[in-house]
Protein backbone atom coordinates (compact mmCIF):
# COMPACT_ATOMS: atom_id res chain seq x y z
CA MET A 1 1.94 -15.75 10.95
CA SER A 2 1.22 -14.35 14.04
CA LYS A 3 3.68 -11.34 13.96
CA ILE A 4 1.92 -10.48 10.87
CA ASN A 5 -1.75 -10.63 12.57
CA ASP A 6 -0.37 -8.24 15.42
CA ILE A 7 1.01 -6.02 12.44
CA LYS A 8 -2.53 -5.88 10.90
CA ASN A 9 -4.35 -5.17 14.20
CA MET A 10 -2.11 -2.81 14.70
CA LYS A 11 -2.87 -0.93 11.30
CA ARG A 12 -6.50 -1.37 12.09
CA GLN A 13 -6.56 0.13 15.30
CA GLN A 14 -4.77 2.90 13.75
CA LYS A 15 -7.58 3.50 11.65
CA VAL A 16 -10.19 4.03 13.94
CA ILE A 17 -11.73 7.47 13.64
CA THR A 18 -14.80 9.21 15.79
CA PRO A 19 -17.95 10.15 13.96
CA SER A 20 -17.16 13.86 14.17
CA GLN A 21 -13.99 13.11 12.41
CA VAL A 22 -15.77 11.58 9.61
CA LEU A 23 -18.24 14.11 8.87
CA THR A 24 -14.96 16.70 8.65
CA ALA A 25 -13.26 14.64 6.28
CA THR A 26 -16.14 13.86 4.32
CA ILE A 27 -16.90 17.86 4.03
CA GLY A 28 -13.59 19.03 3.66
CA GLU A 29 -12.78 16.04 0.80
CA GLU A 30 -15.73 16.82 -1.21
CA ASN A 31 -13.82 19.33 -3.07
CA ASN A 32 -11.13 16.59 -3.91
CA VAL A 33 -13.31 13.57 -4.96
CA GLY A 34 -12.88 14.63 -8.69
CA SER A 35 -8.74 15.38 -8.46
CA LYS A 36 -7.77 11.98 -6.61
CA GLN A 37 -9.55 10.12 -9.28
CA GLU A 38 -8.30 12.34 -11.95
CA ARG A 39 -4.44 11.53 -10.28
CA LYS A 40 -5.33 8.33 -10.04
CA GLU A 41 -6.16 7.89 -13.79
CA GLU A 42 -3.04 9.39 -14.86
CA ARG A 43 -0.98 7.28 -12.75
CA LYS A 44 -2.36 3.98 -14.49
CA VAL A 45 0.29 2.02 -15.31
CA GLU A 46 0.31 -1.22 -18.12
CA ARG A 47 1.48 -3.80 -15.84
CA LYS A 48 2.30 -7.35 -17.00
CA ARG A 49 1.76 -10.47 -14.68
CA VAL A 50 4.51 -12.50 -13.77
CA SER A 51 5.14 -15.60 -11.90
CA PHE A 52 8.49 -16.77 -9.68
CA ASP A 53 9.36 -18.56 -6.79
CA LEU A 54 10.28 -16.42 -3.76
CA ARG A 55 11.92 -18.07 -0.34
CA THR A 56 9.29 -18.17 1.87
CA ASP A 57 11.90 -15.72 4.62
CA LEU A 58 11.73 -13.20 2.22
CA HIS A 59 8.19 -13.24 1.28
CA LYS A 60 6.75 -13.37 5.04
CA GLU A 61 9.42 -9.84 5.30
CA LEU A 62 8.10 -8.57 2.20
CA LYS A 63 4.32 -8.78 3.69
CA MET A 64 5.36 -7.17 7.09
CA GLN A 65 6.87 -4.53 5.22
CA ALA A 66 3.77 -3.95 2.87
CA LEU A 67 1.91 -4.16 5.95
CA LEU A 68 4.16 -1.51 7.95
CA GLN A 69 4.38 1.06 4.51
CA ASP A 70 0.79 0.51 3.88
CA LYS A 71 1.52 -0.26 0.05
CA ASN A 72 0.76 -3.35 -1.76
CA ILE A 73 3.53 -6.12 -2.42
CA TYR A 74 3.91 -5.30 -5.89
CA ILE A 75 4.78 -2.02 -5.46
CA LEU A 76 7.66 -2.63 -2.96
CA ILE A 77 8.53 -5.21 -5.75
CA GLU A 78 8.46 -2.83 -8.22
CA GLU A 79 10.28 0.20 -6.61
CA ALA A 80 13.42 -2.67 -5.29
CA LEU A 81 13.83 -3.61 -9.03
CA GLU A 82 13.51 0.21 -10.10
CA LYS A 83 16.42 0.81 -7.79
CA HIS A 84 18.31 -2.16 -8.45
CA LEU A 85 18.03 -1.89 -12.46
CA LYS A 86 19.23 1.83 -11.84
CA ASP A 87 22.25 1.38 -10.02
CA ASN A 88 23.42 -1.38 -12.40
């Protein structure tokens, strides 16, 4: 579990920004706020909640990959399933 915490801490340290960066980013992003919201709404996909058992070693690896790639676990699972179904 400490490896996961180490990765989380590294990710947190990467997101540290200075006040001047915040001010610059806010000014630059004011025009993009609406477009980001619109893109989010366009990408909404209907989902179904599922439950299944997974080996603990796979779950740990999945959590680490999600942290490293800065994605949600369900996104990684969806991508893997789509790739598997496409290949078969």
